[in-house]
């Protein structure tokens, strides 16, 4: 984005008399409120955020303490080129240092303590899995290149396993891919194509994760709470424990306009009537919808209820009333396929455990990123985050988070599916793969493990057609915008914080016709240096040959292709983000 475009918007005419109703208090809804305040100049008192939970933050929530155990449903990978995310948090004050922003705080944290994993893939007992290559066959390499070059319209409803040879799913690249992103072979090829293109600039860093960023504390404390305080300071209204269960529409110049919201809080019902100039911003799906929590001695019971699915049910109801609002059933039809289990482990007065993990992996706590046991039936991936993970965490307490992607499978040590296990059973399976079966009782006496099963955590990846997700502001409605992970956003991916923030920015800027460009999507795939290093990394070569290029040479102009390849090999490598920063010190 040009500095010329970093302007302060003018106050839209009549904004003081307009109201905004935001359905969903996750990062998308909170970001929409922030852009309404910051860029649309809407008075905070005119903005209302509804959420079915009492704690705001959506999938980025966290709670607990050292006595009862900390709880975090998930962790999200961040990176420097999430442009809308950092644009927003460059204007949100830090909660922990006066005069600094969340962006200042986050950048400084990563400058001082960079993720740099020495090894990421392991087998039981921390036996190193081969990471010298990506393990791709020539056939799979050609399939990968063909996927990137194929238009999305030709990939609708195609799964990853329908496109790739079986050998791909035994490769190191696939292990990296599904450990970080929770992809399954039956997920959408369109989403895989988008990830391959969108994060091409990260491929050469996938073994070390040097391009991945962290926040100072967990993302609830570092991102959600500062953002929530910013909004509260501006008078934004937060209404928790309240579900929006339906909307009414009326015709408005051949389009539909939302006229009423139907609210439910416990047994109480309420109707909110909208003026013609009011708008609704709807997070139409949640990856953590219908999550259930277990305990050390109780297994979480997965909620497979297809009658009430929260925001998904609201999406279903309005999609029946209005055309072109998407097809939610494409994402929520199979909790058995879209679930996984995460587990937060609180360890008190036992620093030996984290020291053991450091010694075995070679990764200091907080520097290892996603670490995976590839031979685990549950496909366990853990992260030992920088400690403390929250400001109130005592010095004698450490917190670990991990998840099992294949939670329907039976464990090795615990002969049960992960989604039927107690926290203690899940921890035992994890310790078994750490090679600590002889120390289980001792470690467990210092630990609290709290599992969470999320029926729709990978539902955004289910096979789909382009129009199964609604546009941010569909052509058929006047005052309704869709935000979050189940919205069509050309060129960008789902399952990222950036997606939620970008859809919120786009919704606000377009709804109120703001005279400020939407922060452009980073498109590293058009940088020939990034394309070159990505291709060399995938092929495991220092030099590209004509035979490595896609087989689209009907004129057999090999002499010209040779010149192209020679030019590619002469291109200097793309400077890494961190290298650039060191040069600018």
Protein backbone atom coordinates (compact mmCIF):
# COMPACT_ATOMS: atom_id res chain seq x y z
CA UNK A 1 0.00 0.00 0.00
CA UNK A 2 1.39 3.38 -0.97
CA UNK A 3 1.96 5.93 1.77
CA UNK A 4 -0.04 8.24 -0.51
CA UNK A 5 -3.08 6.05 0.25
CA UNK A 6 -2.64 6.04 4.03
CA UNK A 7 -5.12 8.86 4.46
CA UNK A 8 -7.53 9.79 7.21
CA UNK A 9 -11.06 9.34 5.94
CA UNK A 10 -13.63 12.08 6.04
CA UNK A 11 -16.68 11.56 8.22
CA UNK A 12 -19.49 10.08 6.07
CA UNK A 13 -22.60 12.22 5.88
CA UNK A 14 -25.25 11.20 8.40
CA UNK A 15 -23.01 8.64 10.17
CA UNK A 16 -24.01 9.99 13.60
CA UNK A 17 -27.59 8.78 13.10
CA UNK A 18 -26.71 5.34 11.71
CA UNK A 19 -26.44 2.16 13.75
CA UNK A 20 -24.37 -0.97 13.17
CA UNK A 21 -25.35 -4.36 14.57
CA UNK A 22 -22.53 -6.89 14.63
CA UNK A 23 -23.42 -10.57 15.02
CA UNK A 24 -20.47 -12.47 16.46
CA UNK A 25 -17.88 -11.16 18.90
CA UNK A 26 -14.84 -12.92 17.45
CA UNK A 27 -11.90 -11.20 15.79
CA UNK A 28 -13.98 -10.46 12.66
CA UNK A 29 -16.76 -8.73 14.60
CA UNK A 30 -14.38 -6.81 16.86
CA UNK A 31 -12.35 -5.71 13.81
CA UNK A 32 -15.50 -4.50 12.05
CA UNK A 33 -16.34 -2.40 15.10
CA UNK A 34 -12.80 -0.97 15.15
CA UNK A 35 -12.95 0.03 11.47
CA UNK A 36 -16.38 1.58 12.06
CA UNK A 37 -14.91 3.71 14.85
CA UNK A 38 -11.52 4.48 13.29
CA UNK A 39 -12.33 4.93 9.62
CA UNK A 40 -16.13 5.35 9.33
CA UNK A 41 -16.20 7.72 12.34
CA UNK A 42 -19.34 6.06 13.71
CA UNK A 43 -19.99 6.90 17.37
CA UNK A 44 -19.24 3.86 19.52
CA UNK A 45 -22.62 4.07 21.22
CA UNK A 46 -24.21 3.35 17.82
CA UNK A 47 -22.37 0.02 17.50
CA UNK A 48 -23.68 -3.14 19.20
CA UNK A 49 -21.86 -6.49 19.22
CA UNK A 50 -23.84 -9.64 20.02
CA UNK A 51 -22.27 -12.94 20.99
CA UNK A 52 -23.77 -16.16 22.31
CA UNK A 53 -20.87 -16.47 24.78
CA UNK A 54 -20.21 -14.15 27.70
CA UNK A 55 -16.50 -14.01 26.82
CA UNK A 56 -15.72 -12.15 23.60
CA UNK A 57 -12.99 -13.25 21.22
CA UNK A 58 -14.68 -16.14 19.41
CA UNK A 59 -12.17 -18.82 18.47
CA UNK A 60 -9.39 -16.70 20.01
CA UNK A 61 -10.78 -16.88 23.53
CA UNK A 62 -8.82 -18.15 26.54
CA UNK A 63 -9.50 -18.58 30.23
CA UNK A 64 -8.44 -20.43 33.37
CA UNK A 65 -5.71 -20.02 35.93
CA UNK A 66 -2.79 -21.85 37.53
CA UNK A 67 -5.01 -23.57 40.11
CA UNK A 68 -7.71 -25.00 37.82
CA UNK A 69 -5.72 -25.07 34.59
CA UNK A 70 -5.42 -22.71 31.65
CA UNK A 71 -7.60 -23.26 28.58
CA UNK A 72 -7.06 -22.20 24.98
CA UNK A 73 -9.05 -23.81 22.18
CA UNK A 74 -6.47 -23.07 19.52
CA UNK A 75 -3.42 -21.23 18.29
CA UNK A 76 -3.05 -19.34 15.02
CA UNK A 77 0.12 -18.77 12.99
CA UNK A 78 0.81 -15.15 12.10
CA UNK A 79 3.26 -13.73 9.56
CA UNK A 80 4.61 -10.33 8.45
CA UNK A 81 2.46 -10.05 5.32
CA UNK A 82 -0.93 -10.15 7.04
CA UNK A 83 -1.39 -6.58 5.93
CA UNK A 84 -4.89 -5.82 7.25
CA UNK A 85 -4.12 -7.37 10.64
CA UNK A 86 -1.06 -5.20 11.21
CA UNK A 87 -2.78 -2.11 9.78
CA UNK A 88 -5.45 -2.50 12.45
CA UNK A 89 -3.21 -3.34 15.39
CA UNK A 90 -0.84 -0.53 14.50
CA UNK A 91 -3.60 1.72 15.86
CA UNK A 92 -4.60 -0.34 18.93
CA UNK A 93 -2.79 0.65 22.16
CA UNK A 94 -0.89 -2.05 24.03
CA UNK A 95 -2.32 -3.04 27.40
CA UNK A 96 1.13 -3.63 28.81
CA UNK A 97 3.25 -0.61 27.88
CA UNK A 98 2.04 2.96 27.69
CA UNK A 99 2.71 4.76 24.44
CA UNK A 100 3.13 1.55 22.43
CA UNK A 101 0.77 -0.21 20.05
CA UNK A 102 0.04 -3.93 19.78
CA UNK A 103 2.05 -3.91 16.54
CA UNK A 104 5.04 -2.29 18.29
CA UNK A 105 4.86 -4.87 21.05
CA UNK A 106 4.52 -7.83 18.67
CA UNK A 107 7.34 -6.77 16.35
CA UNK A 108 9.70 -6.20 19.26
CA UNK A 109 8.85 -9.62 20.73
CA UNK A 110 9.71 -11.36 17.46
CA UNK A 111 12.85 -9.33 16.95
CA UNK A 112 14.14 -10.39 20.36
CA UNK A 113 12.93 -14.00 20.29
CA UNK A 114 12.61 -15.32 16.75
CA UNK A 115 11.07 -18.71 15.99
CA UNK A 116 13.77 -20.91 14.45
CA UNK A 117 12.96 -24.60 14.72
CA UNK A 118 15.90 -26.99 14.50
CA UNK A 119 13.68 -29.97 13.66
CA UNK A 120 9.91 -30.31 13.35
CA UNK A 121 9.01 -33.89 12.44
CA UNK A 122 9.55 -36.70 14.93
CA UNK A 123 8.63 -40.29 15.66
CA UNK A 124 8.04 -41.83 19.07
CA UNK A 125 10.67 -40.91 21.65
CA UNK A 126 11.87 -37.93 19.59
CA UNK A 127 13.51 -40.04 16.94
CA UNK A 128 14.11 -37.56 14.08
CA UNK A 129 12.00 -38.10 10.99
CA UNK A 130 13.82 -37.40 7.72
CA UNK A 131 13.62 -33.70 6.84
CA UNK A 132 16.44 -33.52 4.30
CA UNK A 133 13.93 -33.36 1.42
CA UNK A 134 10.21 -32.78 0.93
CA UNK A 135 9.89 -36.39 -0.18
CA UNK A 136 8.04 -35.58 -3.42
CA UNK A 137 8.07 -37.83 -6.44
CA UNK A 138 8.39 -36.36 -9.93
CA UNK A 139 4.72 -37.16 -10.50
CA UNK A 140 3.66 -35.26 -7.37
CA UNK A 141 5.84 -32.26 -8.32
CA UNK A 142 4.07 -32.09 -11.68
CA UNK A 143 0.68 -32.41 -9.98
CA UNK A 144 1.60 -29.54 -7.64
CA UNK A 145 2.59 -27.25 -10.50
CA UNK A 146 -0.50 -28.20 -12.52
CA UNK A 147 -2.73 -27.43 -9.51
CA UNK A 148 -1.28 -23.92 -9.22
CA UNK A 149 -1.85 -23.28 -12.94
CA UNK A 150 -5.41 -24.67 -13.09
CA UNK A 151 -8.31 -22.15 -12.81
CA UNK A 152 -10.39 -22.55 -9.65
CA UNK A 153 -13.56 -23.04 -11.67
CA UNK A 154 -12.13 -26.38 -12.82
CA UNK A 155 -11.42 -27.48 -9.23
CA UNK A 156 -14.89 -27.04 -7.73
CA UNK A 157 -15.87 -29.89 -5.39
CA UNK A 158 -12.54 -31.64 -6.08
CA UNK A 159 -10.72 -33.05 -3.06
CA UNK A 160 -6.98 -33.11 -2.46
CA UNK A 161 -6.87 -36.91 -2.60
CA UNK A 162 -8.67 -36.90 -5.96
CA UNK A 163 -5.88 -34.78 -7.45
CA UNK A 164 -2.69 -36.12 -5.90
CA UNK A 165 -1.08 -39.55 -6.04
CA UNK A 166 -1.12 -41.60 -2.81
CA UNK A 167 2.65 -41.03 -2.45
CA UNK A 168 2.02 -37.37 -1.67
CA UNK A 169 0.32 -38.21 1.62
CA UNK A 170 3.47 -39.95 2.85
CA UNK A 171 5.74 -37.00 2.07
CA UNK A 172 7.37 -34.56 4.47
CA UNK A 173 5.67 -31.65 2.69
CA UNK A 174 2.25 -33.14 3.44
CA UNK A 175 3.22 -33.65 7.09
CA UNK A 176 4.30 -30.00 7.35
CA UNK A 177 1.13 -28.93 5.56
CA UNK A 178 -1.44 -30.75 7.69
CA UNK A 179 0.44 -30.18 10.98
CA UNK A 180 0.32 -26.39 10.54
CA UNK A 181 -2.98 -26.02 8.69
CA UNK A 182 -5.06 -29.08 9.72
CA UNK A 183 -5.69 -30.22 6.15
CA UNK A 184 -7.13 -33.68 5.51
CA UNK A 185 -6.94 -35.60 2.19
CA UNK A 186 -10.72 -35.19 1.76
CA UNK A 187 -10.57 -31.39 2.03
CA UNK A 188 -11.01 -28.90 -0.80
CA UNK A 189 -8.34 -28.68 -3.50
CA UNK A 190 -9.34 -25.05 -4.08
CA UNK A 191 -8.23 -24.21 -0.52
CA UNK A 192 -4.92 -26.04 -1.00
CA UNK A 193 -4.30 -24.21 -4.27
CA UNK A 194 -4.98 -20.88 -2.57
CA UNK A 195 -2.61 -21.67 0.30
CA UNK A 196 0.11 -22.77 -2.11
CA UNK A 197 -0.20 -19.50 -4.00
CA UNK A 198 -0.86 -17.14 -1.10
CA UNK A 199 2.06 -18.36 1.03
CA UNK A 200 4.53 -19.23 -1.72
CA UNK A 201 6.96 -16.80 -0.06
CA UNK A 202 7.00 -18.98 3.07
CA UNK A 203 7.79 -22.34 1.45
CA UNK A 204 11.56 -22.11 1.85
CA UNK A 205 11.07 -21.36 5.56
CA UNK A 206 8.65 -24.20 6.29
CA UNK A 207 11.28 -26.39 7.99
CA UNK A 208 12.46 -23.67 10.40
CA UNK A 209 9.26 -21.57 10.57
CA UNK A 210 11.39 -18.43 10.66
CA UNK A 211 8.63 -16.57 8.85
CA UNK A 212 6.04 -17.27 11.56
CA UNK A 213 5.33 -14.61 14.18
CA UNK A 214 4.10 -14.84 17.76
CA UNK A 215 2.43 -12.37 20.06
CA UNK A 216 3.85 -11.38 23.45
CA UNK A 217 1.27 -13.48 25.32
CA UNK A 218 -1.40 -15.81 23.95
CA UNK A 219 -3.51 -14.19 21.27
CA UNK A 220 -6.47 -13.59 23.57
CA UNK A 221 -4.37 -11.47 25.94
CA UNK A 222 -2.25 -9.86 23.23
CA UNK A 223 -4.87 -9.17 20.53
CA UNK A 224 -8.44 -9.62 21.76
CA UNK A 225 -8.25 -7.85 25.13
CA UNK A 226 -6.48 -4.70 23.81
CA UNK A 227 -8.95 -4.51 20.93
CA UNK A 228 -11.91 -4.98 23.26
CA UNK A 229 -10.65 -2.23 25.59
CA UNK A 230 -10.16 0.13 22.63
CA UNK A 231 -13.78 -0.43 21.61
CA UNK A 232 -15.12 -0.10 25.15
CA UNK A 233 -13.22 3.18 25.56
CA UNK A 234 -15.07 4.43 22.48
CA UNK A 235 -18.46 3.43 23.88
CA UNK A 236 -19.15 0.32 21.79
CA UNK A 237 -21.93 -1.81 23.29
CA UNK A 238 -21.09 -5.46 24.13
CA UNK A 239 -24.05 -7.81 24.61
CA UNK A 240 -22.90 -11.28 25.70
CA UNK A 241 -24.84 -14.46 26.28
CA UNK A 242 -27.21 -13.45 23.51
CA UNK A 243 -27.88 -15.24 20.22
CA UNK A 244 -29.32 -13.69 17.08
CA UNK A 245 -31.60 -16.49 15.87
CA UNK A 246 -33.29 -14.95 12.82
CA UNK A 247 -33.63 -11.89 10.59
CA UNK A 248 -36.54 -10.37 8.71
CA UNK A 249 -36.13 -8.88 5.24
CA UNK A 250 -38.22 -6.65 3.03
CA UNK A 251 -37.92 -5.68 -0.62
CA UNK A 252 -35.97 -2.50 -1.26
CA UNK A 253 -35.60 -1.44 -4.90
CA UNK A 254 -35.36 -5.05 -6.21
CA UNK A 255 -33.03 -6.03 -3.39
CA UNK A 256 -33.50 -7.27 0.17
CA UNK A 257 -33.00 -5.17 3.30
CA UNK A 258 -32.71 -6.46 6.85
CA UNK A 259 -35.50 -4.94 8.92
CA UNK A 260 -35.49 -6.94 12.17
CA UNK A 261 -33.17 -9.05 14.30
CA UNK A 262 -34.59 -11.73 16.59
CA UNK A 263 -32.59 -12.16 19.79
CA UNK A 264 -32.63 -14.87 22.42
CA UNK A 265 -31.00 -14.73 25.83
CA UNK A 266 -31.85 -17.74 27.96
CA UNK A 267 -35.64 -17.91 27.92
CA UNK A 268 -36.02 -14.25 27.02
CA UNK A 269 -36.68 -13.11 23.46
CA UNK A 270 -36.31 -9.65 21.96
CA UNK A 271 -36.85 -8.04 18.57
CA UNK A 272 -34.60 -5.23 17.33
CA UNK A 273 -36.06 -3.09 14.53
CA UNK A 274 -33.62 -1.49 12.09
CA UNK A 275 -33.97 1.90 10.47
CA UNK A 276 -33.37 2.06 6.73
CA UNK A 277 -29.89 3.51 7.21
CA UNK A 278 -28.78 0.84 9.74
CA UNK A 279 -26.50 -2.05 8.79
CA UNK A 280 -25.76 -5.60 9.94
CA UNK A 281 -22.33 -7.28 9.93
CA UNK A 282 -22.72 -11.04 10.29
CA UNK A 283 -20.03 -13.62 11.13
CA UNK A 284 -21.90 -16.42 9.37
CA UNK A 285 -19.86 -19.36 10.65
CA UNK A 286 -17.58 -20.27 13.51
CA UNK A 287 -14.91 -22.96 13.51
CA UNK A 288 -15.41 -23.40 17.25
CA UNK A 289 -19.21 -23.55 17.13
CA UNK A 290 -20.66 -26.19 19.49
CA UNK A 291 -17.29 -26.84 21.13
CA UNK A 292 -17.38 -28.90 24.31
CA UNK A 293 -14.79 -29.06 27.04
CA UNK A 294 -13.66 -31.98 29.14
CA UNK A 295 -11.49 -32.12 32.23
CA UNK A 296 -8.63 -34.14 33.64
CA UNK A 297 -11.03 -36.99 34.46
CA UNK A 298 -13.93 -36.40 32.05
CA UNK A 299 -13.94 -36.70 28.28
CA UNK A 300 -15.66 -33.97 26.26
CA UNK A 301 -18.80 -35.19 24.51
CA UNK A 302 -18.83 -34.04 20.91
CA UNK A 303 -21.91 -31.99 20.04
CA UNK A 304 -23.19 -33.38 16.74
CA UNK A 305 -26.53 -31.56 16.93
CA UNK A 306 -27.60 -30.71 13.38
CA UNK A 307 -30.68 -28.81 14.57
CA UNK A 308 -28.95 -25.99 16.42
CA UNK A 309 -25.54 -24.92 15.18
CA UNK A 310 -25.51 -21.30 16.36
CA UNK A 311 -24.38 -18.89 13.66
CA UNK A 312 -24.50 -21.67 11.06
CA UNK A 313 -28.21 -22.14 11.81
CA UNK A 314 -28.83 -18.41 11.40
CA UNK A 315 -26.98 -18.54 8.07
CA UNK A 316 -29.17 -21.47 6.99
CA UNK A 317 -32.34 -19.54 7.88
CA UNK A 318 -31.49 -16.40 5.95
CA UNK A 319 -30.11 -18.37 2.99
CA UNK A 320 -33.57 -19.94 2.66
CA UNK A 321 -35.12 -16.46 2.53
CA UNK A 322 -32.70 -14.78 0.14
CA UNK A 323 -30.91 -16.09 -2.95
CA UNK A 324 -27.14 -15.86 -3.40
CA UNK A 325 -26.30 -16.00 0.31
CA UNK A 326 -24.36 -19.24 0.02
CA UNK A 327 -24.88 -22.87 1.00
CA UNK A 328 -23.94 -23.46 4.65
CA UNK A 329 -24.79 -27.16 4.47
CA UNK A 330 -21.67 -27.71 2.32
CA UNK A 331 -19.54 -26.98 5.39
CA UNK A 332 -21.48 -28.40 8.34
CA UNK A 333 -22.84 -31.72 7.13
CA UNK A 334 -20.24 -33.96 8.78
CA UNK A 335 -18.85 -33.17 12.26
CA UNK A 336 -17.18 -36.61 12.12
CA UNK A 337 -14.97 -35.31 9.31
CA UNK A 338 -14.47 -31.70 10.41
CA UNK A 339 -13.57 -32.16 14.10
CA UNK A 340 -10.34 -32.33 16.00
CA UNK A 341 -9.37 -32.23 19.68
CA UNK A 342 -7.05 -29.74 21.30
CA UNK A 343 -5.62 -29.98 24.82
CA UNK A 344 -4.13 -27.32 27.08
CA UNK A 345 -1.69 -28.64 29.68
CA UNK A 346 -0.77 -26.63 32.78
CA UNK A 347 2.40 -27.90 34.52
CA UNK A 348 3.16 -26.63 38.01
CA UNK A 349 6.44 -26.95 39.94
CA UNK A 350 7.99 -29.27 37.37
CA UNK A 351 10.37 -27.35 35.05
CA UNK A 352 12.08 -30.65 34.20
CA UNK A 353 9.35 -31.41 31.66
CA UNK A 354 9.97 -28.37 29.48
CA UNK A 355 13.73 -28.79 29.86
CA UNK A 356 13.35 -32.36 28.59
CA UNK A 357 11.47 -31.10 25.50
CA UNK A 358 14.22 -28.54 24.87
CA UNK A 359 16.99 -31.13 25.14
CA UNK A 360 15.25 -33.63 22.89
CA UNK A 361 14.24 -31.21 20.13
CA UNK A 362 17.07 -28.72 20.28
CA UNK A 363 14.41 -26.01 20.34
CA UNK A 364 14.31 -23.60 23.26
CA UNK A 365 10.83 -23.04 24.68
CA UNK A 366 9.06 -20.57 22.42
CA UNK A 367 11.41 -21.01 19.44
CA UNK A 368 10.28 -24.37 18.07
CA UNK A 369 6.92 -23.67 16.46
CA UNK A 370 4.69 -26.56 15.43
CA UNK A 371 6.33 -29.88 16.40
CA UNK A 372 4.75 -33.13 15.19
CA UNK A 373 4.85 -36.86 15.93
CA UNK A 374 4.20 -38.18 12.43
CA UNK A 375 3.78 -41.82 13.55
CA UNK A 376 1.06 -41.00 16.08
CA UNK A 377 -2.38 -42.30 15.00
CA UNK A 378 -3.76 -39.02 16.33
CA UNK A 379 -1.06 -37.07 14.42
CA UNK A 380 -0.14 -35.06 17.52
CA UNK A 381 1.26 -31.57 16.97
CA UNK A 382 2.33 -29.48 19.95
CA UNK A 383 3.58 -25.99 20.60
CA UNK A 384 5.63 -24.95 23.61
CA UNK A 385 4.92 -21.23 23.51
CA UNK A 386 7.05 -18.47 24.93
CA UNK A 387 6.36 -18.38 28.67
CA UNK A 388 4.41 -16.88 30.34
CA UNK A 389 1.46 -17.29 28.00
CA UNK A 390 -0.65 -14.79 29.96
CA UNK A 391 0.32 -11.87 32.22
CA UNK A 392 -0.90 -13.48 35.46
CA UNK A 393 0.87 -16.83 34.95
CA UNK A 394 3.16 -17.60 37.93
CA UNK A 395 6.86 -18.28 37.37
CA UNK A 396 6.53 -21.86 38.61
CA UNK A 397 3.90 -22.70 35.96
CA UNK A 398 4.38 -23.67 32.30
CA UNK A 399 1.64 -24.06 29.69
CA UNK A 400 1.69 -26.37 26.67
CA UNK A 401 -0.88 -26.72 23.88
CA UNK A 402 -1.31 -29.56 21.41
CA UNK A 403 -3.91 -31.08 19.14
CA UNK A 404 -4.68 -34.35 17.39
CA UNK A 405 -5.77 -33.92 13.78
CA UNK A 406 -6.96 -37.52 13.49
CA UNK A 407 -9.05 -37.48 16.63
CA UNK A 408 -11.36 -40.25 15.40
CA UNK A 409 -8.46 -42.74 15.44
CA UNK A 410 -7.49 -44.97 18.38
CA UNK A 411 -4.30 -44.04 20.17
CA UNK A 412 -1.30 -46.34 20.61
CA UNK A 413 -0.88 -46.22 24.38
CA UNK A 414 -4.52 -45.32 25.01
CA UNK A 415 -6.63 -47.59 22.84
CA UNK A 416 -9.47 -45.09 22.35
CA UNK A 417 -10.31 -42.34 19.86
CA UNK A 418 -8.90 -39.04 21.04
CA UNK A 419 -12.34 -37.41 21.00
CA UNK A 420 -13.51 -39.93 23.62
CA UNK A 421 -10.57 -39.49 26.02
CA UNK A 422 -10.19 -37.63 29.30
CA UNK A 423 -7.50 -35.03 29.73
CA UNK A 424 -5.37 -37.50 31.69
CA UNK A 425 -5.65 -40.13 28.96
CA UNK A 426 -4.75 -37.63 26.26
CA UNK A 427 -1.75 -36.46 28.28
CA UNK A 428 -0.61 -40.06 28.75
CA UNK A 429 -0.66 -40.66 24.99
CA UNK A 430 1.34 -37.47 24.48
CA UNK A 431 3.90 -38.44 27.13
CA UNK A 432 4.18 -41.89 25.54
CA UNK A 433 5.21 -40.32 22.24
CA UNK A 434 7.63 -38.06 24.09
CA UNK A 435 9.33 -41.22 25.37
CA UNK A 436 8.30 -40.53 28.96
CA UNK A 437 6.13 -43.56 29.72
CA UNK A 438 8.29 -44.40 32.73
CA UNK A 439 7.71 -40.90 34.21
CA UNK A 440 3.99 -40.53 33.48
CA UNK A 441 2.76 -40.71 37.07
CA UNK A 442 5.26 -38.15 38.29
CA UNK A 443 4.53 -35.65 35.50
CA UNK A 444 0.75 -36.12 35.74
CA UNK A 445 0.91 -35.35 39.48
CA UNK A 446 2.10 -31.85 38.48
CA UNK A 447 -0.25 -31.38 35.52
CA UNK A 448 -3.79 -30.41 34.58
CA UNK A 449 -4.84 -31.34 31.03
CA UNK A 450 -8.08 -29.90 29.67
CA UNK A 451 -9.30 -31.18 26.28
CA UNK A 452 -11.72 -29.46 23.90
CA UNK A 453 -13.47 -31.12 20.97
CA UNK A 454 -14.50 -28.81 18.13
CA UNK A 455 -16.95 -30.38 15.65
CA UNK A 456 -16.48 -27.73 12.94
CA UNK A 457 -12.86 -26.71 13.36
CA UNK A 458 -11.92 -27.70 9.78
CA UNK A 459 -15.37 -27.21 8.22
CA UNK A 460 -14.10 -24.20 6.24
CA UNK A 461 -11.92 -26.61 4.23
CA UNK A 462 -14.72 -28.93 3.10
CA UNK A 463 -15.06 -29.39 -0.69
CA UNK A 464 -17.10 -26.62 -2.25
CA UNK A 465 -18.00 -24.57 -5.27
CA UNK A 466 -17.06 -20.91 -5.56
CA UNK A 467 -20.58 -19.64 -4.80
CA UNK A 468 -21.10 -21.83 -1.73
CA UNK A 469 -19.67 -18.95 0.33
CA UNK A 470 -21.43 -15.56 0.11
CA UNK A 471 -19.75 -12.40 -1.11
CA UNK A 472 -18.86 -9.89 1.61
CA UNK A 473 -21.73 -7.65 0.47
CA UNK A 474 -23.93 -9.67 -1.90
CA UNK A 475 -25.55 -7.83 -4.80
CA UNK A 476 -28.98 -8.96 -3.61
CA UNK A 477 -28.94 -7.13 -0.25
CA UNK A 478 -28.48 -3.50 0.74
CA UNK A 479 -27.54 -3.43 4.43
CA UNK A 480 -26.07 -6.85 5.21
CA UNK A 481 -22.36 -7.74 5.10
CA UNK A 482 -20.76 -11.13 5.76
CA UNK A 483 -17.46 -11.34 7.63
CA UNK A 484 -15.18 -14.08 8.92
CA UNK A 485 -13.98 -17.44 7.63
CA UNK A 486 -17.00 -18.51 5.56
CA UNK A 487 -16.98 -15.62 3.11
CA UNK A 488 -15.73 -15.58 -0.48
CA UNK A 489 -12.59 -13.47 -0.64
CA UNK A 490 -10.89 -13.72 -4.00
CA UNK A 491 -7.23 -14.72 -3.82
CA UNK A 492 -7.12 -15.10 -0.05
CA UNK A 493 -7.35 -18.14 2.19
CA UNK A 494 -9.47 -19.18 5.15
CA UNK A 495 -8.27 -20.32 8.60
CA UNK A 496 -6.22 -17.16 9.23
CA UNK A 497 -6.68 -14.13 11.46
CA UNK A 498 -5.93 -12.00 8.40
CA UNK A 499 -9.05 -13.32 6.63
CA UNK A 500 -11.29 -12.22 9.48
CA UNK A 501 -9.74 -8.75 9.63
CA UNK A 502 -9.68 -8.29 5.84
CA UNK A 503 -13.35 -9.22 5.44
CA UNK A 504 -14.22 -6.77 8.23
CA UNK A 505 -12.23 -3.95 6.63
CA UNK A 506 -13.75 -4.64 3.21
CA UNK A 507 -17.28 -4.77 4.64
CA UNK A 508 -16.98 -1.43 6.45
CA UNK A 509 -15.18 0.43 3.66
CA UNK A 510 -17.68 -0.73 1.01
CA UNK A 511 -20.81 -0.37 3.14
CA UNK A 512 -20.04 3.31 3.85
CA UNK A 513 -18.21 4.09 0.57
CA UNK A 514 -15.10 5.31 2.36
CA UNK A 515 -12.59 7.24 0.31
CA UNK A 516 -9.64 5.08 1.31
CA UNK A 517 -8.23 2.04 -0.51
CA UNK A 518 -8.63 -1.34 1.15
CA UNK A 519 -5.16 -2.54 2.14
CA UNK A 520 -4.06 -4.70 -0.84
CA UNK A 521 -3.57 -8.43 -0.50
CA UNK A 522 0.10 -9.40 -0.48
CA UNK A 523 0.81 -11.28 -3.72
CA UNK A 524 4.27 -12.76 -3.42
CA UNK A 525 3.49 -15.18 -6.25
CA UNK A 526 4.10 -12.34 -8.70
CA UNK A 527 7.62 -11.72 -7.39
CA UNK A 528 9.92 -13.77 -9.64
CA UNK A 529 12.42 -14.11 -6.78
CA UNK A 530 9.81 -15.72 -4.55
CA UNK A 531 8.59 -17.97 -7.36
CA UNK A 532 12.15 -19.07 -8.05
CA UNK A 533 13.09 -19.93 -4.49
CA UNK A 534 9.75 -21.72 -3.96
CA UNK A 535 10.30 -23.87 -7.06
CA UNK A 536 13.89 -24.66 -6.06
CA UNK A 537 12.77 -25.54 -2.53
CA UNK A 538 9.99 -27.85 -3.72
CA UNK A 539 12.30 -29.61 -6.18
CA UNK A 540 15.20 -29.74 -3.73
CA UNK A 541 17.55 -28.15 -6.29
CA UNK A 542 19.93 -25.22 -6.40
CA UNK A 543 19.47 -24.84 -10.17
CA UNK A 544 16.32 -25.19 -12.28
CA UNK A 545 16.40 -27.11 -15.55
CA UNK A 546 14.12 -26.94 -18.58
CA UNK A 547 12.74 -30.37 -17.70
CA UNK A 548 11.52 -28.96 -14.36
CA UNK A 549 9.14 -26.49 -16.02
CA UNK A 550 5.48 -27.39 -16.69
CA UNK A 551 4.93 -29.45 -19.83
CA UNK A 552 3.20 -26.70 -21.82
CA UNK A 553 5.62 -26.44 -24.72
CA UNK A 554 3.69 -27.45 -27.86
CA UNK A 555 6.04 -25.47 -30.13
CA UNK A 556 9.11 -27.20 -28.66
CA UNK A 557 10.94 -23.91 -28.22
CA UNK A 558 13.51 -25.43 -25.88
CA UNK A 559 16.19 -22.95 -26.89
CA UNK A 560 14.00 -20.07 -25.64
CA UNK A 561 13.05 -21.97 -22.49
CA UNK A 562 16.74 -22.52 -21.83
CA UNK A 563 17.25 -18.76 -21.88
CA UNK A 564 14.32 -18.35 -19.46
CA UNK A 565 15.75 -20.96 -17.10
CA UNK A 566 19.21 -19.40 -17.24
CA UNK A 567 17.63 -16.07 -16.34
CA UNK A 568 15.73 -17.62 -13.43
CA UNK A 569 18.87 -19.24 -12.03
CA UNK A 570 20.68 -15.91 -12.20
CA UNK A 571 18.08 -14.15 -10.04
CA UNK A 572 19.42 -13.39 -6.53
CA UNK A 573 17.46 -15.03 -3.71
CA UNK A 574 14.62 -13.11 -2.12
CA UNK A 575 15.81 -11.47 1.09
CA UNK A 576 14.05 -12.87 4.12
CA UNK A 577 11.97 -10.56 6.27
CA UNK A 578 14.33 -10.97 9.20
CA UNK A 579 17.44 -10.44 7.08
CA UNK A 580 15.98 -7.19 5.78
CA UNK A 581 15.30 -6.08 9.32
CA UNK A 582 18.84 -6.82 10.49
CA UNK A 583 20.22 -4.77 7.60
CA UNK A 584 18.08 -1.82 8.64
CA UNK A 585 19.25 -1.80 12.26
